[in-house]
Amino acid sequence: MADQNPEQKNTPADEQQLDKPENLRPKSRKRFILFGVIAIVLIGGGLYWWHSTFYENTDDAQIDGNIIQISSRISGHVLNVEVQQNQSVKKGEILVELDPTDYETAVKQDEADLASAEANYEAATVNVPITHVSTSSTLSSADATVLSARDSVAQAERQLQAARAQVLSAQANYTKAKLDLKRYTSLVQKDVISRQQYDAAVATATADQAAVQQAEADVQAYQAAVSVAHAKVAQAQASYRNAQTGPRQVAIQKAKADQAAAQVKLAEAKLQQAKLNLSYCIIRAPESGIVTTKSVEVGQNVSIGQNMATLVSLDNVWVTANFKETQLDNMKVGQPVTISVDAYGGKQFDGKVTEIGGATGSMLSLFPPENATGNYVKVVQRIPVRIDFTNPSQDKDHMLRPGMSVEPKVRIK
């Protein structure tokens, strides 16, 4: 057999046999790419399903905090300013000092007023038992005087009765003496009796007449005594009625003592207010934070409520996230949250949902939407949700500042 020529061309059958593996390679590569795309789509769809089913997130969120306006509670002259713009301060640290001279004077004046009120109260308190004892004694004495005056009236009336009886007795004696004298006169003229007997009868008649006059004078005297006794009774009764006002006088003294006690309390309150005003001369930081927008300088006169600086608190910050209303179906208070902070390259912080707003942001705006015109376009509303940080050690250097943008992710299932 003759050798084949090396330059002899292959037959079509041979070429088909040689090209068969090379034709299979492109088909295998395309199939691999197709399977890879399908796998990526499946994985991506699974991740999206997982994320949309178990998490809710939003990029409409920022850090909130307490922004405190530092103002004066009294008016005064600024003596010293202890802080500068953007300076960090601790809670209780002195920020501004006001001139305390006027308020120190007010404290001294109120202390003197309090001492005076306390002295008046002591005097009024002492007068209460004194008035009680005095009025009780006066009432007892007046009662005894009335009884004595009534006894004097009774005694004077008895003496008057005796005097009247004495008048009757004297008149009877005088009548008998006159009759005797008349008989003795005719007898002496006839010399039946002696002149001596007649003279004795005359003397007896004269004496009995004088006794009648004396008895009548005694009656008039005792009548006057009865009138005087009655006047004393009236006077004693008037004194007794006056003494009966003793309880009222005691009540008046007690009222004065109560009034003095009220004056003491008023003076104490004024002194306490003066001391408070004096303490307000030193304005301290209510919380730890950073002082911004300082607008107070030494020598300035400030008034009550005038803003002097703004204190941004860094000890208590939280996240306000505005979720769509369609995201709140499964969101509840207490669910864990992962918070990514844009300012630190997406550094994550732990938190939890603490509050879900009571209205949408549009309803809480200055001009709520009015849809009564009929030109209504449905817009998905957003509800503010408060998220608190649960791990303070993650922000021990106070890296989080109010206003920073964050992206919270809430685990809803």
Protein backbone atom coordinates (compact mmCIF):
# COMPACT_ATOMS: atom_id res chain seq x y z
CA MET A 1 0.00 0.00 0.00
CA ALA A 2 1.30 3.29 -0.93
CA ASP A 3 1.88 5.88 1.79
CA GLN A 4 -0.66 8.65 2.07
CA ASN A 5 0.29 12.17 1.09
CA PRO A 6 0.62 14.34 4.12
CA GLU A 7 -0.89 17.26 2.25
CA GLN A 8 -3.92 15.20 1.27
CA LYS A 9 -7.16 16.92 2.54
CA ASN A 10 -9.51 15.22 4.97
CA THR A 11 -12.81 13.99 3.73
CA PRO A 12 -16.09 15.71 4.90
CA ALA A 13 -16.77 12.77 7.14
CA ASP A 14 -13.43 13.19 8.80
CA GLU A 15 -13.96 16.96 9.31
CA GLN A 16 -17.39 16.35 10.91
CA GLN A 17 -15.80 13.78 13.17
CA LEU A 18 -13.05 16.21 14.19
CA ASP A 19 -15.35 19.27 14.84
CA LYS A 20 -17.89 17.52 17.08
CA PRO A 21 -16.26 18.36 20.58
CA GLU A 22 -15.73 21.98 19.59
CA ASN A 23 -19.43 22.38 18.69
CA LEU A 24 -20.48 21.14 22.15
CA ARG A 25 -18.44 23.74 24.16
CA PRO A 26 -20.57 26.87 23.36
CA LYS A 27 -23.76 25.03 24.21
CA SER A 28 -22.38 23.94 27.62
CA ARG A 29 -21.22 27.51 28.41
CA LYS A 30 -24.62 28.98 27.56
CA ARG A 31 -26.36 26.38 29.68
CA PHE A 32 -24.07 27.20 32.64
CA ILE A 33 -24.74 30.93 32.32
CA LEU A 34 -28.48 30.29 32.13
CA PHE A 35 -28.38 28.14 35.26
CA GLY A 36 -26.31 30.83 37.02
CA VAL A 37 -28.77 33.58 36.14
CA ILE A 38 -31.66 31.46 37.30
CA ALA A 39 -29.86 30.73 40.58
CA ILE A 40 -29.10 34.40 41.12
CA VAL A 41 -32.70 35.34 40.43
CA LEU A 42 -33.92 32.66 42.81
CA ILE A 43 -31.50 33.70 45.51
CA GLY A 44 -32.36 37.36 45.02
CA GLY A 45 -36.06 36.59 45.06
CA GLY A 46 -35.63 34.52 48.20
CA LEU A 47 -33.68 37.29 49.91
CA TYR A 48 -36.27 39.87 48.89
CA TRP A 49 -39.05 37.62 50.14
CA TRP A 50 -37.17 37.02 53.37
CA HIS A 51 -36.48 40.71 53.86
CA SER A 52 -40.00 41.91 52.94
CA THR A 53 -41.58 39.23 55.10
CA PHE A 54 -39.48 39.59 58.27
CA TYR A 55 -38.17 43.21 58.10
CA GLU A 56 -39.40 46.73 57.41
CA ASN A 57 -36.97 49.55 56.75
CA THR A 58 -36.99 53.17 55.62
CA ASP A 59 -34.47 55.84 54.71
CA ASP A 60 -36.78 58.64 55.90
CA ALA A 61 -35.40 58.70 59.44
CA GLN A 62 -33.16 60.84 61.55
CA ILE A 63 -31.83 61.11 65.10
CA ASP A 64 -33.83 63.29 67.47
CA GLY A 65 -32.91 64.68 70.85
CA ASN A 66 -33.81 67.26 73.46
CA ILE A 67 -33.06 70.79 72.27
CA ILE A 68 -33.20 72.94 75.41
CA GLN A 69 -33.49 76.71 75.27
CA ILE A 70 -31.46 78.19 78.13
CA SER A 71 -33.27 81.25 79.49
CA SER A 72 -33.33 83.34 82.65
CA ARG A 73 -36.06 82.95 85.25
CA ILE A 74 -35.38 86.46 86.57
CA SER A 75 -34.26 89.76 85.13
CA GLY A 76 -30.76 90.96 85.90
CA HIS A 77 -27.32 92.09 84.82
CA VAL A 78 -24.90 89.47 83.43
CA LEU A 79 -21.71 89.29 85.52
CA ASN A 80 -20.04 86.28 83.96
CA VAL A 81 -20.47 83.82 81.08
CA GLU A 82 -18.72 80.50 81.69
CA VAL A 83 -19.25 78.79 78.30
CA GLN A 84 -18.36 79.34 74.67
CA GLN A 85 -20.03 78.39 71.43
CA ASN A 86 -20.16 74.59 70.81
CA GLN A 87 -18.65 73.84 74.22
CA SER A 88 -19.46 70.55 75.92
CA VAL A 89 -20.91 70.89 79.42
CA LYS A 90 -21.93 68.52 82.19
CA LYS A 91 -25.25 68.53 84.02
CA GLY A 92 -25.20 71.15 86.80
CA GLU A 93 -22.25 73.08 85.36
CA ILE A 94 -22.50 76.89 85.64
CA LEU A 95 -23.37 78.59 82.36
CA VAL A 96 -24.18 82.21 83.28
CA GLU A 97 -24.00 84.29 86.48
CA LEU A 98 -26.26 87.31 87.13
CA ASP A 99 -25.67 90.15 89.59
CA PRO A 100 -27.16 88.95 92.93
CA THR A 101 -27.03 92.30 94.83
CA ASP A 102 -30.70 93.25 94.46
CA TYR A 103 -31.87 89.75 95.32
CA GLU A 104 -29.62 89.52 98.39
CA THR A 105 -31.18 92.76 99.64
CA ALA A 106 -34.65 91.34 99.04
CA VAL A 107 -33.74 88.25 101.08
CA LYS A 108 -32.59 90.39 104.03
CA GLN A 109 -35.74 92.50 103.89
CA ASP A 110 -37.97 89.44 103.83
CA GLU A 111 -36.04 87.93 106.74
CA ALA A 112 -36.77 91.09 108.76
CA ASP A 113 -40.44 90.95 107.78
CA LEU A 114 -40.59 87.33 108.89
CA ALA A 115 -39.05 88.17 112.27
CA SER A 116 -41.60 90.96 112.77
CA ALA A 117 -44.49 88.67 111.81
CA GLU A 118 -43.27 85.99 114.22
CA ALA A 119 -43.06 88.55 117.07
CA ASN A 120 -46.62 89.70 116.36
CA TYR A 121 -47.76 86.11 116.36
CA GLU A 122 -46.13 85.44 119.74
CA ALA A 123 -47.79 88.52 121.24
CA ALA A 124 -51.19 87.60 119.83
CA THR A 125 -50.82 84.02 121.06
CA VAL A 126 -49.98 85.16 124.60
CA ASN A 127 -52.98 87.52 124.69
CA VAL A 128 -55.43 84.68 124.09
CA PRO A 129 -55.11 82.97 127.52
CA ILE A 130 -54.74 86.35 129.26
CA THR A 131 -57.97 87.58 127.71
CA HIS A 132 -59.67 84.31 128.59
CA VAL A 133 -58.67 84.52 132.27
CA SER A 134 -59.47 88.24 132.49
CA THR A 135 -62.91 87.94 130.96
CA SER A 136 -63.74 84.90 133.08
CA SER A 137 -62.77 86.79 136.25
CA THR A 138 -64.73 89.85 135.16
CA LEU A 139 -67.80 87.74 134.47
CA SER A 140 -67.60 86.07 137.89
CA SER A 141 -67.11 89.41 139.62
CA ALA A 142 -70.03 90.97 137.74
CA ASP A 143 -72.26 88.07 138.67
CA ALA A 144 -71.34 88.48 142.34
CA THR A 145 -71.93 92.24 142.11
CA VAL A 146 -75.40 91.67 140.71
CA LEU A 147 -76.24 89.30 143.56
CA SER A 148 -74.87 91.77 146.10
CA ALA A 149 -76.83 94.63 144.58
CA ARG A 150 -80.01 92.60 144.69
CA ASP A 151 -79.37 91.78 148.36
CA SER A 152 -78.87 95.50 149.01
CA VAL A 153 -82.23 96.22 147.37
CA ALA A 154 -83.93 93.64 149.56
CA GLN A 155 -82.26 95.01 152.69
CA ALA A 156 -83.20 98.59 151.79
CA GLU A 157 -86.80 97.59 151.18
CA ARG A 158 -86.97 95.83 154.55
CA GLN A 159 -85.54 98.90 156.23
CA LEU A 160 -88.13 101.03 154.41
CA GLN A 161 -90.90 98.81 155.65
CA ALA A 162 -89.56 99.07 159.21
CA ALA A 163 -89.37 102.85 158.86
CA ARG A 164 -92.95 103.02 157.70
CA ALA A 165 -94.02 100.91 160.66
CA GLN A 166 -92.06 103.24 162.90
CA VAL A 167 -93.97 106.17 161.41
CA LEU A 168 -97.26 104.52 162.22
CA SER A 169 -96.10 103.81 165.76
CA ALA A 170 -94.88 107.36 166.21
CA GLN A 171 -98.11 108.80 164.82
CA ALA A 172 -100.13 106.62 167.23
CA ASN A 173 -98.04 107.82 170.18
CA TYR A 174 -98.37 111.42 169.06
CA THR A 175 -102.15 111.10 168.72
CA LYS A 176 -102.41 109.68 172.26
CA ALA A 177 -100.14 112.42 173.55
CA LYS A 178 -102.29 115.13 171.95
CA LEU A 179 -105.43 113.65 173.48
CA ASP A 180 -103.76 113.46 176.88
CA LEU A 181 -102.58 117.03 176.54
CA LYS A 182 -106.09 118.17 175.69
CA ARG A 183 -107.51 116.49 178.78
CA TYR A 184 -104.68 117.76 180.95
CA THR A 185 -105.32 121.28 179.77
CA SER A 186 -108.90 121.34 181.16
CA LEU A 187 -107.80 119.58 184.33
CA VAL A 188 -104.95 121.94 184.99
CA GLN A 189 -107.28 124.86 184.57
CA LYS A 190 -109.56 123.37 187.23
CA ASP A 191 -106.54 122.61 189.38
CA VAL A 192 -107.39 118.93 189.27
CA ILE A 193 -103.82 118.04 188.37
CA SER A 194 -100.62 119.73 189.11
CA ARG A 195 -98.81 122.01 186.80
CA GLN A 196 -95.97 119.54 186.73
CA GLN A 197 -98.14 116.76 185.31
CA TYR A 198 -99.40 119.16 182.66
CA ASP A 199 -95.89 120.13 181.64
CA ALA A 200 -94.96 116.44 181.38
CA ALA A 201 -97.91 115.83 179.06
CA VAL A 202 -96.85 118.80 176.93
CA ALA A 203 -93.31 117.47 176.73
CA THR A 204 -94.56 114.00 175.84
CA ALA A 205 -96.74 115.39 173.04
CA THR A 206 -93.87 117.43 171.70
CA ALA A 207 -91.52 114.44 171.83
CA ASP A 208 -94.02 112.19 170.06
CA GLN A 209 -94.49 114.82 167.36
CA ALA A 210 -90.74 114.93 166.84
CA ALA A 211 -90.65 111.12 166.72
CA VAL A 212 -93.27 111.19 163.95
CA GLN A 213 -91.18 113.66 161.96
CA GLN A 214 -88.06 111.54 162.53
CA ALA A 215 -89.84 108.39 161.40
CA GLU A 216 -91.14 110.12 158.27
CA ALA A 217 -87.61 111.34 157.50
CA ASP A 218 -86.31 107.79 157.93
CA VAL A 219 -88.93 106.58 155.47
CA GLN A 220 -87.77 109.12 152.89
CA ALA A 221 -84.12 108.13 153.50
CA TYR A 222 -84.87 104.43 153.10
CA GLN A 223 -86.89 105.15 149.94
CA ALA A 224 -83.83 106.90 148.54
CA ALA A 225 -81.70 103.94 149.65
CA VAL A 226 -84.02 101.58 147.79
CA SER A 227 -83.72 103.71 144.65
CA VAL A 228 -79.93 103.70 144.97
CA ALA A 229 -79.92 99.94 145.46
CA HIS A 230 -82.05 99.48 142.36
CA ALA A 231 -79.63 101.71 140.41
CA LYS A 232 -76.73 99.59 141.64
CA VAL A 233 -78.57 96.48 140.47
CA ALA A 234 -79.04 98.00 137.02
CA GLN A 235 -75.38 98.99 136.92
CA ALA A 236 -74.29 95.54 138.05
CA GLN A 237 -76.49 93.91 135.43
CA ALA A 238 -74.99 96.13 132.75
CA SER A 239 -71.50 95.14 133.92
CA TYR A 240 -72.58 91.50 133.87
CA ARG A 241 -73.87 91.81 130.32
CA ASN A 242 -70.62 93.42 129.33
CA ALA A 243 -68.68 90.64 131.02
CA GLN A 244 -70.72 88.09 129.08
CA THR A 245 -68.96 89.34 125.92
CA GLY A 246 -65.80 87.71 127.27
CA PRO A 247 -66.00 84.64 124.97
CA ARG A 248 -66.35 86.96 122.01
CA GLN A 249 -63.31 88.89 123.16
CA VAL A 250 -61.42 85.61 123.43
CA ALA A 251 -62.59 84.67 119.94
CA ILE A 252 -61.39 88.05 118.65
CA GLN A 253 -57.97 87.46 120.21
CA LYS A 254 -57.85 83.98 118.66
CA ALA A 255 -58.74 85.50 115.29
CA LYS A 256 -55.94 88.01 115.72
CA ALA A 257 -53.58 85.17 116.58
CA ASP A 258 -54.71 83.24 113.48
CA GLN A 259 -54.22 86.35 111.38
CA ALA A 260 -50.74 86.76 112.82
CA ALA A 261 -50.02 83.09 111.99
CA ALA A 262 -51.16 83.70 108.43
CA GLN A 263 -48.86 86.72 108.25
CA VAL A 264 -46.00 84.48 109.38
CA LYS A 265 -46.77 81.99 106.62
CA LEU A 266 -46.98 84.80 104.08
CA ALA A 267 -43.63 86.18 105.23
CA GLU A 268 -42.10 82.69 105.04
CA ALA A 269 -43.40 82.25 101.49
CA LYS A 270 -42.02 85.65 100.46
CA LEU A 271 -38.67 84.77 101.99
CA GLN A 272 -38.62 81.42 100.21
CA GLN A 273 -39.41 83.14 96.91
CA ALA A 274 -36.67 85.69 97.52
CA LYS A 275 -34.16 82.89 98.18
CA LEU A 276 -35.30 81.13 95.01
CA ASN A 277 -34.82 84.31 93.02
CA LEU A 278 -31.35 84.62 94.52
CA SER A 279 -30.54 81.05 93.48
CA TYR A 280 -31.73 81.83 89.94
CA CYS A 281 -28.81 84.28 89.61
CA ILE A 282 -26.67 81.22 88.79
CA ILE A 283 -27.91 79.49 85.64
CA ARG A 284 -26.77 75.88 85.36
CA ALA A 285 -26.93 73.26 82.63
CA PRO A 286 -30.10 71.16 83.11
CA GLU A 287 -28.50 68.25 81.23
CA SER A 288 -25.17 67.29 79.73
CA GLY A 289 -24.71 68.35 76.14
CA ILE A 290 -23.27 70.93 73.77
CA VAL A 291 -23.99 74.66 73.96
CA THR A 292 -24.95 76.19 70.61
CA THR A 293 -26.32 79.55 69.37
CA LYS A 294 -24.97 81.42 72.43
CA SER A 295 -26.33 84.97 72.44
CA VAL A 296 -25.43 86.28 75.90
CA GLU A 297 -22.40 88.38 76.83
CA VAL A 298 -20.97 89.95 80.00
CA GLY A 299 -22.60 93.30 80.80
CA GLN A 300 -25.85 92.46 79.08
CA ASN A 301 -29.20 93.01 80.81
CA VAL A 302 -31.51 90.02 80.43
CA SER A 303 -35.22 89.73 81.11
CA ILE A 304 -37.41 86.86 82.27
CA GLY A 305 -37.66 84.13 79.64
CA GLN A 306 -35.01 85.64 77.36
CA ASN A 307 -33.11 82.95 75.45
CA MET A 308 -29.39 83.06 76.08
CA ALA A 309 -28.20 79.82 74.46
CA THR A 310 -29.34 76.45 73.15
CA LEU A 311 -28.26 73.22 74.80
CA VAL A 312 -28.27 70.07 72.67
CA SER A 313 -28.59 67.09 74.98
CA LEU A 314 -26.53 64.05 73.95
CA ASP A 315 -27.46 61.75 76.85
CA ASN A 316 -30.95 61.09 75.57
CA VAL A 317 -31.24 60.66 71.80
CA TRP A 318 -33.61 58.53 69.77
CA VAL A 319 -34.64 57.89 66.19
CA THR A 320 -37.77 59.23 64.52
CA ALA A 321 -38.50 57.06 61.50
CA ASN A 322 -41.32 57.91 59.08
CA PHE A 323 -42.63 54.58 57.85
CA LYS A 324 -45.22 54.23 55.12
CA GLU A 325 -48.66 53.37 56.40
CA THR A 326 -48.47 50.11 54.41
CA GLN A 327 -45.44 49.07 56.51
CA LEU A 328 -47.20 49.24 59.88
CA ASP A 329 -49.42 46.19 59.57
CA ASN A 330 -47.14 43.95 61.62
CA MET A 331 -45.09 46.59 63.42
CA LYS A 332 -45.50 46.65 67.21
CA VAL A 333 -43.91 48.31 70.22
CA GLY A 334 -40.93 46.39 71.56
CA GLN A 335 -39.73 44.91 68.24
CA PRO A 336 -35.92 44.95 67.80
CA VAL A 337 -34.35 47.38 65.35
CA THR A 338 -30.98 47.58 63.64
CA ILE A 339 -30.01 51.21 62.97
CA SER A 340 -27.43 52.15 60.32
CA VAL A 341 -25.93 55.63 60.66
CA ASP A 342 -24.92 57.30 57.39
CA ALA A 343 -22.34 59.59 59.01
CA TYR A 344 -20.21 56.65 60.17
CA GLY A 345 -20.24 54.52 57.04
CA GLY A 346 -23.34 52.58 57.97
CA LYS A 347 -22.20 51.68 61.49
CA GLN A 348 -24.97 49.76 63.17
CA PHE A 349 -26.62 50.37 66.53
CA ASP A 350 -29.18 48.33 68.43
CA GLY A 351 -32.64 49.69 69.25
CA LYS A 352 -36.29 48.88 69.70
CA VAL A 353 -39.65 50.36 68.74
CA THR A 354 -41.06 52.34 71.68
CA GLU A 355 -43.84 54.48 70.18
CA ILE A 356 -45.97 54.52 67.05
CA GLY A 357 -47.33 57.95 66.18
CA GLY A 358 -50.99 58.78 66.64
CA ALA A 359 -51.34 60.59 63.29
CA THR A 360 -49.58 60.99 59.95
CA GLY A 361 -46.99 63.67 59.43
CA SER A 362 -49.27 65.57 57.06
CA MET A 363 -52.02 65.78 59.71
CA LEU A 364 -49.53 67.19 62.22
CA SER A 365 -48.20 69.80 59.81
CA LEU A 366 -49.00 73.49 60.12
CA PHE A 367 -51.43 73.31 57.19
CA PRO A 368 -53.14 69.87 57.10
CA PRO A 369 -54.25 68.72 53.64
CA GLU A 370 -57.76 69.64 52.51
CA ASN A 371 -59.27 67.09 50.14
CA ALA A 372 -62.83 68.39 50.05
CA THR A 373 -62.44 69.96 46.60
CA GLY A 374 -62.79 66.64 44.79
CA ASN A 375 -59.31 66.77 43.21
CA TYR A 376 -58.13 63.86 45.28
CA VAL A 377 -55.00 61.87 44.49
CA LYS A 378 -54.22 59.03 46.83
CA VAL A 379 -50.74 59.38 48.33
CA VAL A 380 -49.21 56.86 50.67
CA GLN A 381 -48.93 58.59 54.04
CA ARG A 382 -46.15 58.19 56.59
CA ILE A 383 -46.47 57.62 60.32
CA PRO A 384 -43.69 58.73 62.72
CA VAL A 385 -42.28 55.87 64.79
CA ARG A 386 -39.98 56.40 67.74
CA ILE A 387 -37.04 54.02 68.12
CA ASP A 388 -34.89 54.09 71.25
CA PHE A 389 -31.31 52.87 71.46
CA THR A 390 -30.99 49.83 73.70
CA ASN A 391 -27.21 49.60 74.08
CA PRO A 392 -25.81 52.85 75.54
CA SER A 393 -22.26 51.49 75.41
CA GLN A 394 -22.38 51.69 71.59
CA ASP A 395 -22.57 55.49 71.88
CA LYS A 396 -20.42 56.07 74.94
CA ASP A 397 -18.44 58.73 73.03
CA HIS A 398 -21.64 60.58 72.04
CA MET A 399 -21.12 60.11 68.32
CA LEU A 400 -24.85 60.34 67.62
CA ARG A 401 -26.09 63.88 67.12
CA PRO A 402 -29.65 65.09 66.53
CA GLY A 403 -30.39 65.54 62.84
CA MET A 404 -28.14 62.77 61.53
CA SER A 405 -29.67 60.56 58.82
CA VAL A 406 -30.12 56.88 59.68
CA GLU A 407 -31.74 53.80 58.15
CA PRO A 408 -33.59 51.64 60.68
CA LYS A 409 -34.52 48.04 59.95
CA VAL A 410 -37.31 46.61 62.12
CA ARG A 411 -37.62 42.87 62.68
CA ILE A 412 -41.40 42.44 62.46
CA LYS A 413 -41.52 38.61 62.59
